[in-house]
Amino acid sequence: MPQQWDSAALFEFLVTQAGLPEDDLPTSLDVTFEDIGLDSLAYLQLQSEVLGAVGVELPADPPPGYTLADILDAVNLALTTS
């Protein structure tokens, strides 16, 4: 199991699994799924991907303003405490 999950892994998911065009990848992690044009189904896919890849559960109902940075922080915190 990886010690850290990085933005490259998250961006790869966004492009290959969520269908975000590579040209639309954000320059900052301080954006939400909604900000980059992805919906709750894409978030559900991400939840499944993260659980399968690194064994970490993301919140079923992300709080308002839950950013890509928040996702990486949650995953990496869980990885370091497990």
PDB file of N, CA and C in Angstrom:
ATOM      1  N   MET A   1       0.852  -1.185   0.000  1.00  0.00           N
ATOM      2  CA  MET A   1       0.000   0.000   0.000  1.00  0.00           C
ATOM      3  C   MET A   1       0.896   1.246   0.000  1.00  0.00           C
ATOM      4  N   PRO A   2       0.560   2.238  -0.819  1.00  0.00           N
ATOM      5  CA  PRO A   2       1.413   3.423  -0.885  1.00  0.00           C
ATOM      6  C   PRO A   2       1.414   4.194   0.440  1.00  0.00           C
ATOM      7  N   GLN A   3       2.513   4.880   0.708  1.00  0.00           N
ATOM      8  CA  GLN A   3       2.620   5.702   1.911  1.00  0.00           C
ATOM      9  C   GLN A   3       1.923   7.049   1.717  1.00  0.00           C
ATOM     10  N   GLN A   4       1.825   7.484   0.467  1.00  0.00           N
ATOM     11  CA  GLN A   4       1.204   8.767   0.145  1.00  0.00           C
ATOM     12  C   GLN A   4       0.456   8.634  -1.167  1.00  0.00           C
ATOM     13  N   TRP A   5      -0.601   9.398  -1.295  1.00  0.00           N
ATOM     14  CA  TRP A   5      -1.325   9.501  -2.558  1.00  0.00           C
ATOM     15  C   TRP A   5      -1.064  10.902  -3.040  1.00  0.00           C
ATOM     16  N   ASP A   6      -0.658  11.083  -4.277  1.00  0.00           N
ATOM     17  CA  ASP A   6      -0.280  12.412  -4.733  1.00  0.00           C
ATOM     18  C   ASP A   6      -1.236  12.956  -5.786  1.00  0.00           C
ATOM     19  N   SER A   7      -1.002  14.209  -6.136  1.00  0.00           N
ATOM     20  CA  SER A   7      -1.874  14.875  -7.099  1.00  0.00           C
ATOM     21  C   SER A   7      -1.825  14.190  -8.457  1.00  0.00           C
ATOM     22  N   ALA A   8      -0.695  13.598  -8.813  1.00  0.00           N
ATOM     23  CA  ALA A   8      -0.600  12.897 -10.102  1.00  0.00           C
ATOM     24  C   ALA A   8      -1.594  11.740 -10.155  1.00  0.00           C
ATOM     25  N   ALA A   9      -1.719  10.995  -9.063  1.00  0.00           N
ATOM     26  CA  ALA A   9      -2.673   9.884  -9.014  1.00  0.00           C
ATOM     27  C   ALA A   9      -4.113  10.401  -9.093  1.00  0.00           C
ATOM     28  N   LEU A  10      -4.378  11.494  -8.409  1.00  0.00           N
ATOM     29  CA  LEU A  10      -5.717  12.090  -8.448  1.00  0.00           C
ATOM     30  C   LEU A  10      -6.029  12.604  -9.848  1.00  0.00           C
ATOM     31  N   PHE A  11      -5.080  13.303 -10.467  1.00  0.00           N
ATOM     32  CA  PHE A  11      -5.300  13.826 -11.812  1.00  0.00           C
ATOM     33  C   PHE A  11      -5.467  12.696 -12.827  1.00  0.00           C
ATOM     34  N   GLU A  12      -4.711  11.612 -12.658  1.00  0.00           N
ATOM     35  CA  GLU A  12      -4.868  10.465 -13.553  1.00  0.00           C
ATOM     36  C   GLU A  12      -6.290   9.919 -13.467  1.00  0.00           C
ATOM     37  N   PHE A  13      -6.820   9.811 -12.243  1.00  0.00           N
ATOM     38  CA  PHE A  13      -8.200   9.371 -12.076  1.00  0.00           C
ATOM     39  C   PHE A  13      -9.148  10.331 -12.789  1.00  0.00           C
ATOM     40  N   LEU A  14      -8.969  11.624 -12.579  1.00  0.00           N
ATOM     41  CA  LEU A  14      -9.880  12.611 -13.157  1.00  0.00           C
ATOM     42  C   LEU A  14      -9.935  12.493 -14.680  1.00  0.00           C
ATOM     43  N   VAL A  15      -8.810  12.207 -15.287  1.00  0.00           N
ATOM     44  CA  VAL A  15      -8.746  12.090 -16.752  1.00  0.00           C
ATOM     45  C   VAL A  15      -9.245  10.730 -17.227  1.00  0.00           C
ATOM     46  N   THR A  16      -8.724   9.645 -16.639  1.00  0.00           N
ATOM     47  CA  THR A  16      -9.019   8.315 -17.168  1.00  0.00           C
ATOM     48  C   THR A  16     -10.357   7.751 -16.704  1.00  0.00           C
ATOM     49  N   GLN A  17     -10.774   8.078 -15.503  1.00  0.00           N
ATOM     50  CA  GLN A  17     -12.006   7.502 -14.967  1.00  0.00           C
ATOM     51  C   GLN A  17     -13.190   8.469 -14.985  1.00  0.00           C
ATOM     52  N   ALA A  18     -12.939   9.735 -14.672  1.00  0.00           N
ATOM     53  CA  ALA A  18     -14.032  10.700 -14.583  1.00  0.00           C
ATOM     54  C   ALA A  18     -14.292  11.415 -15.905  1.00  0.00           C
ATOM     55  N   GLY A  19     -13.375  11.257 -16.871  1.00  0.00           N
ATOM     56  CA  GLY A  19     -13.596  11.845 -18.190  1.00  0.00           C
ATOM     57  C   GLY A  19     -13.265  13.312 -18.310  1.00  0.00           C
ATOM     58  N   LEU A  20     -12.509  13.851 -17.369  1.00  0.00           N
ATOM     59  CA  LEU A  20     -12.120  15.256 -17.464  1.00  0.00           C
ATOM     60  C   LEU A  20     -11.049  15.403 -18.544  1.00  0.00           C
ATOM     61  N   PRO A  21     -11.260  16.267 -19.523  1.00  0.00           N
ATOM     62  CA  PRO A  21     -10.233  16.462 -20.552  1.00  0.00           C
ATOM     63  C   PRO A  21      -8.930  16.950 -19.909  1.00  0.00           C
ATOM     64  N   GLU A  22      -7.824  16.410 -20.378  1.00  0.00           N
ATOM     65  CA  GLU A  22      -6.522  16.774 -19.813  1.00  0.00           C
ATOM     66  C   GLU A  22      -6.298  18.280 -19.823  1.00  0.00           C
ATOM     67  N   ASP A  23      -6.801  18.947 -20.847  1.00  0.00           N
ATOM     68  CA  ASP A  23      -6.652  20.404 -20.943  1.00  0.00           C
ATOM     69  C   ASP A  23      -7.418  21.138 -19.849  1.00  0.00           C
ATOM     70  N   ASP A  24      -8.375  20.465 -19.220  1.00  0.00           N
ATOM     71  CA  ASP A  24      -9.188  21.093 -18.177  1.00  0.00           C
ATOM     72  C   ASP A  24      -8.702  20.785 -16.764  1.00  0.00           C
ATOM     73  N   LEU A  25      -7.563  20.080 -16.643  1.00  0.00           N
ATOM     74  CA  LEU A  25      -7.040  19.815 -15.307  1.00  0.00           C
ATOM     75  C   LEU A  25      -6.761  21.141 -14.608  1.00  0.00           C
ATOM     76  N   PRO A  26      -7.117  21.229 -13.339  1.00  0.00           N
ATOM     77  CA  PRO A  26      -6.904  22.496 -12.630  1.00  0.00           C
ATOM     78  C   PRO A  26      -5.427  22.734 -12.342  1.00  0.00           C
ATOM     79  N   THR A  27      -5.079  23.985 -12.187  1.00  0.00           N
ATOM     80  CA  THR A  27      -3.702  24.336 -11.843  1.00  0.00           C
ATOM     81  C   THR A  27      -3.514  24.363 -10.334  1.00  0.00           C
ATOM     82  N   SER A  28      -4.615  24.305  -9.613  1.00  0.00           N
ATOM     83  CA  SER A  28      -4.588  24.329  -8.154  1.00  0.00           C
ATOM     84  C   SER A  28      -5.452  23.193  -7.613  1.00  0.00           C
ATOM     85  N   LEU A  29      -5.102  22.689  -6.446  1.00  0.00           N
ATOM     86  CA  LEU A  29      -5.919  21.661  -5.800  1.00  0.00           C
ATOM     87  C   LEU A  29      -7.028  22.275  -4.949  1.00  0.00           C
ATOM     88  N   ASP A  30      -7.099  23.593  -4.916  1.00  0.00           N
ATOM     89  CA  ASP A  30      -8.111  24.278  -4.115  1.00  0.00           C
ATOM     90  C   ASP A  30      -9.403  24.489  -4.890  1.00  0.00           C
ATOM     91  N   VAL A  31      -9.827  23.453  -5.602  1.00  0.00           N
ATOM     92  CA  VAL A  31     -11.080  23.480  -6.354  1.00  0.00           C
ATOM     93  C   VAL A  31     -11.909  22.257  -5.979  1.00  0.00           C
ATOM     94  N   THR A  32     -13.217  22.387  -6.144  1.00  0.00           N
ATOM     95  CA  THR A  32     -14.121  21.273  -5.874  1.00  0.00           C
ATOM     96  C   THR A  32     -14.408  20.529  -7.180  1.00  0.00           C
ATOM     97  N   PHE A  33     -15.040  19.373  -7.041  1.00  0.00           N
ATOM     98  CA  PHE A  33     -15.459  18.640  -8.241  1.00  0.00           C
ATOM     99  C   PHE A  33     -16.381  19.519  -9.080  1.00  0.00           C
ATOM    100  N   GLU A  34     -17.269  20.217  -8.422  1.00  0.00           N
ATOM    101  CA  GLU A  34     -18.207  21.086  -9.135  1.00  0.00           C
ATOM    102  C   GLU A  34     -17.466  22.182  -9.901  1.00  0.00           C
ATOM    103  N   ASP A  35     -16.425  22.745  -9.283  1.00  0.00           N
ATOM    104  CA  ASP A  35     -15.643  23.814  -9.928  1.00  0.00           C
ATOM    105  C   ASP A  35     -15.053  23.370 -11.260  1.00  0.00           C
ATOM    106  N   ILE A  36     -14.693  22.078 -11.357  1.00  0.00           N
ATOM    107  CA  ILE A  36     -14.067  21.597 -12.597  1.00  0.00           C
ATOM    108  C   ILE A  36     -15.056  20.856 -13.491  1.00  0.00           C
ATOM    109  N   GLY A  37     -16.342  20.985 -13.164  1.00  0.00           N
ATOM    110  CA  GLY A  37     -17.383  20.444 -14.042  1.00  0.00           C
ATOM    111  C   GLY A  37     -17.711  18.981 -13.838  1.00  0.00           C
ATOM    112  N   LEU A  38     -17.314  18.408 -12.697  1.00  0.00           N
ATOM    113  CA  LEU A  38     -17.636  17.006 -12.421  1.00  0.00           C
ATOM    114  C   LEU A  38     -18.770  16.927 -11.412  1.00  0.00           C
ATOM    115  N   ASP A  39     -19.545  15.849 -11.507  1.00  0.00           N
ATOM    116  CA  ASP A  39     -20.717  15.723 -10.659  1.00  0.00           C
ATOM    117  C   ASP A  39     -20.525  14.703  -9.547  1.00  0.00           C
ATOM    118  N   SER A  40     -21.602  14.433  -8.831  1.00  0.00           N
ATOM    119  CA  SER A  40     -21.545  13.508  -7.698  1.00  0.00           C
ATOM    120  C   SER A  40     -21.231  12.081  -8.139  1.00  0.00           C
ATOM    121  N   LEU A  41     -21.603  11.720  -9.348  1.00  0.00           N
ATOM    122  CA  LEU A  41     -21.251  10.382  -9.839  1.00  0.00           C
ATOM    123  C   LEU A  41     -19.742  10.222  -9.989  1.00  0.00           C
ATOM    124  N   ALA A  42     -19.076  11.265 -10.439  1.00  0.00           N
ATOM    125  CA  ALA A  42     -17.614  11.224 -10.542  1.00  0.00           C
ATOM    126  C   ALA A  42     -17.003  11.096  -9.148  1.00  0.00           C
ATOM    127  N   TYR A  43     -17.593  11.764  -8.174  1.00  0.00           N
ATOM    128  CA  TYR A  43     -17.095  11.651  -6.799  1.00  0.00           C
ATOM    129  C   TYR A  43     -17.292  10.230  -6.281  1.00  0.00           C
ATOM    130  N   LEU A  44     -18.438   9.626  -6.578  1.00  0.00           N
ATOM    131  CA  LEU A  44     -18.678   8.244  -6.154  1.00  0.00           C
ATOM    132  C   LEU A  44     -17.655   7.300  -6.785  1.00  0.00           C
ATOM    133  N   GLN A  45     -17.322   7.541  -8.041  1.00  0.00           N
ATOM    134  CA  GLN A  45     -16.282   6.744  -8.705  1.00  0.00           C
ATOM    135  C   GLN A  45     -14.947   6.915  -7.992  1.00  0.00           C
ATOM    136  N   LEU A  46     -14.641   8.153  -7.613  1.00  0.00           N
ATOM    137  CA  LEU A  46     -13.395   8.417  -6.909  1.00  0.00           C
ATOM    138  C   LEU A  46     -13.382   7.683  -5.568  1.00  0.00           C
ATOM    139  N   GLN A  47     -14.495   7.723  -4.849  1.00  0.00           N
ATOM    140  CA  GLN A  47     -14.578   6.997  -3.571  1.00  0.00           C
ATOM    141  C   GLN A  47     -14.216   5.537  -3.771  1.00  0.00           C
ATOM    142  N   SER A  48     -14.802   4.927  -4.777  1.00  0.00           N
ATOM    143  CA  SER A  48     -14.556   3.519  -5.064  1.00  0.00           C
ATOM    144  C   SER A  48     -13.103   3.281  -5.442  1.00  0.00           C
ATOM    145  N   GLU A  49     -12.551   4.140  -6.278  1.00  0.00           N
ATOM    146  CA  GLU A  49     -11.161   4.027  -6.723  1.00  0.00           C
ATOM    147  C   GLU A  49     -10.199   4.130  -5.539  1.00  0.00           C
ATOM    148  N   VAL A  50     -10.413   5.099  -4.678  1.00  0.00           N
ATOM    149  CA  VAL A  50      -9.539   5.305  -3.526  1.00  0.00           C
ATOM    150  C   VAL A  50      -9.629   4.115  -2.578  1.00  0.00           C
ATOM    151  N   LEU A  51     -10.840   3.641  -2.344  1.00  0.00           N
ATOM    152  CA  LEU A  51     -11.009   2.485  -1.462  1.00  0.00           C
ATOM    153  C   LEU A  51     -10.291   1.267  -2.037  1.00  0.00           C
ATOM    154  N   GLY A  52     -10.451   1.021  -3.324  1.00  0.00           N
ATOM    155  CA  GLY A  52      -9.807  -0.124  -3.950  1.00  0.00           C
ATOM    156  C   GLY A  52      -8.297   0.007  -4.057  1.00  0.00           C
ATOM    157  N   ALA A  53      -7.816   1.204  -4.368  1.00  0.00           N
ATOM    158  CA  ALA A  53      -6.386   1.407  -4.603  1.00  0.00           C
ATOM    159  C   ALA A  53      -5.573   1.529  -3.319  1.00  0.00           C
ATOM    160  N   VAL A  54      -6.109   2.244  -2.348  1.00  0.00           N
ATOM    161  CA  VAL A  54      -5.316   2.497  -1.137  1.00  0.00           C
ATOM    162  C   VAL A  54      -6.033   2.119   0.157  1.00  0.00           C
ATOM    163  N   GLY A  55      -7.273   1.622   0.041  1.00  0.00           N
ATOM    164  CA  GLY A  55      -7.990   1.157   1.226  1.00  0.00           C
ATOM    165  C   GLY A  55      -8.494   2.250   2.145  1.00  0.00           C
ATOM    166  N   VAL A  56      -8.723   3.437   1.603  1.00  0.00           N
ATOM    167  CA  VAL A  56      -9.185   4.568   2.406  1.00  0.00           C
ATOM    168  C   VAL A  56     -10.590   4.951   1.971  1.00  0.00           C
ATOM    169  N   GLU A  57     -11.476   5.135   2.952  1.00  0.00           N
ATOM    170  CA  GLU A  57     -12.841   5.566   2.659  1.00  0.00           C
ATOM    171  C   GLU A  57     -12.949   7.086   2.732  1.00  0.00           C
ATOM    172  N   LEU A  58     -13.428   7.674   1.659  1.00  0.00           N
ATOM    173  CA  LEU A  58     -13.737   9.102   1.656  1.00  0.00           C
ATOM    174  C   LEU A  58     -15.152   9.291   2.178  1.00  0.00           C
ATOM    175  N   PRO A  59     -15.483  10.479   2.683  1.00  0.00           N
ATOM    176  CA  PRO A  59     -16.829  10.695   3.199  1.00  0.00           C
ATOM    177  C   PRO A  59     -17.893  10.468   2.123  1.00  0.00           C
ATOM    178  N   ALA A  60     -18.974   9.803   2.518  1.00  0.00           N
ATOM    179  CA  ALA A  60     -20.064   9.540   1.568  1.00  0.00           C
ATOM    180  C   ALA A  60     -20.702  10.839   1.115  1.00  0.00           C
ATOM    181  N   ASP A  61     -20.849  11.756   2.026  1.00  0.00           N
ATOM    182  CA  ASP A  61     -21.393  13.081   1.717  1.00  0.00           C
ATOM    183  C   ASP A  61     -20.314  14.112   1.986  1.00  0.00           C
ATOM    184  N   PRO A  62     -19.554  14.478   0.970  1.00  0.00           N
ATOM    185  CA  PRO A  62     -18.497  15.452   1.228  1.00  0.00           C
ATOM    186  C   PRO A  62     -19.084  16.782   1.675  1.00  0.00           C
ATOM    187  N   PRO A  63     -18.424  17.444   2.607  1.00  0.00           N
ATOM    188  CA  PRO A  63     -18.924  18.741   3.057  1.00  0.00           C
ATOM    189  C   PRO A  63     -18.855  19.774   1.937  1.00  0.00           C
ATOM    190  N   PRO A  64     -19.683  20.809   2.014  1.00  0.00           N
ATOM    191  CA  PRO A  64     -19.610  21.867   0.998  1.00  0.00           C
ATOM    192  C   PRO A  64     -18.188  22.422   0.935  1.00  0.00           C
ATOM    193  N   GLY A  65     -17.733  22.654  -0.270  1.00  0.00           N
ATOM    194  CA  GLY A  65     -16.401  23.209  -0.456  1.00  0.00           C
ATOM    195  C   GLY A  65     -15.288  22.191  -0.316  1.00  0.00           C
ATOM    196  N   TYR A  66     -15.616  20.896  -0.370  1.00  0.00           N
ATOM    197  CA  TYR A  66     -14.623  19.824  -0.244  1.00  0.00           C
ATOM    198  C   TYR A  66     -13.748  19.832  -1.492  1.00  0.00           C
ATOM    199  N   THR A  67     -12.512  20.234  -1.329  1.00  0.00           N
ATOM    200  CA  THR A  67     -11.619  20.443  -2.472  1.00  0.00           C
ATOM    201  C   THR A  67     -10.772  19.209  -2.782  1.00  0.00           C
ATOM    202  N   LEU A  68     -10.105  19.267  -3.912  1.00  0.00           N
ATOM    203  CA  LEU A  68      -9.167  18.207  -4.260  1.00  0.00           C
ATOM    204  C   LEU A  68      -8.054  18.126  -3.219  1.00  0.00           C
ATOM    205  N   ALA A  69      -7.636  19.269  -2.689  1.00  0.00           N
ATOM    206  CA  ALA A  69      -6.620  19.279  -1.624  1.00  0.00           C
ATOM    207  C   ALA A  69      -7.150  18.567  -0.384  1.00  0.00           C
ATOM    208  N   ASP A  70      -8.425  18.786  -0.050  1.00  0.00           N
ATOM    209  CA  ASP A  70      -9.034  18.113   1.099  1.00  0.00           C
ATOM    210  C   ASP A  70      -9.042  16.596   0.895  1.00  0.00           C
ATOM    211  N   ILE A  71      -9.323  16.179  -0.321  1.00  0.00           N
ATOM    212  CA  ILE A  71      -9.346  14.745  -0.634  1.00  0.00           C
ATOM    213  C   ILE A  71      -7.955  14.148  -0.422  1.00  0.00           C
ATOM    214  N   LEU A  72      -6.934  14.793  -0.974  1.00  0.00           N
ATOM    215  CA  LEU A  72      -5.570  14.284  -0.802  1.00  0.00           C
ATOM    216  C   LEU A  72      -5.166  14.277   0.666  1.00  0.00           C
ATOM    217  N   ASP A  73      -5.523  15.328   1.392  1.00  0.00           N
ATOM    218  CA  ASP A  73      -5.199  15.381   2.822  1.00  0.00           C
ATOM    219  C   ASP A  73      -5.868  14.246   3.579  1.00  0.00           C
ATOM    220  N   ALA A  74      -7.141  13.982   3.292  1.00  0.00           N
ATOM    221  CA  ALA A  74      -7.871  12.906   3.972  1.00  0.00           C
ATOM    222  C   ALA A  74      -7.257  11.550   3.682  1.00  0.00           C
ATOM    223  N   VAL A  75      -6.924  11.314   2.432  1.00  0.00           N
ATOM    224  CA  VAL A  75      -6.325  10.037   2.055  1.00  0.00           C
ATOM    225  C   VAL A  75      -4.963   9.876   2.729  1.00  0.00           C
ATOM    226  N   ASN A  76      -4.137  10.884   2.655  1.00  0.00           N
ATOM    227  CA  ASN A  76      -2.787  10.780   3.212  1.00  0.00           C
ATOM    228  C   ASN A  76      -2.787  10.706   4.733  1.00  0.00           C
ATOM    229  N   LEU A  77      -3.717  11.379   5.374  1.00  0.00           N
ATOM    230  CA  LEU A  77      -3.845  11.265   6.825  1.00  0.00           C
ATOM    231  C   LEU A  77      -4.222   9.826   7.202  1.00  0.00           C
ATOM    232  N   ALA A  78      -5.179   9.268   6.488  1.00  0.00           N
ATOM    233  CA  ALA A  78      -5.595   7.890   6.764  1.00  0.00           C
ATOM    234  C   ALA A  78      -4.449   6.908   6.514  1.00  0.00           C
ATOM    235  N   LEU A  79      -3.667   7.157   5.473  1.00  0.00           N
ATOM    236  CA  LEU A  79      -2.539   6.262   5.164  1.00  0.00           C
ATOM    237  C   LEU A  79      -1.471   6.307   6.249  1.00  0.00           C
ATOM    238  N   THR A  80      -1.250   7.485   6.826  1.00  0.00           N
ATOM    239  CA  THR A  80      -0.200   7.609   7.841  1.00  0.00           C
ATOM    240  C   THR A  80      -0.647   7.112   9.213  1.00  0.00           C
ATOM    241  N   THR A  81      -1.959   7.019   9.417  1.00  0.00           N
ATOM    242  CA  THR A  81      -2.449   6.566  10.731  1.00  0.00           C
ATOM    243  C   THR A  81      -2.880   5.108  10.708  1.00  0.00           C
ATOM    244  N   SER A  82      -2.766   4.458   9.562  1.00  0.00           N
ATOM    245  CA  SER A  82      -3.187   3.048   9.511  1.00  0.00           C
ATOM    246  C   SER A  82      -2.013   2.110   9.640  1.00  0.00           C
TER     247      SER A  82
END
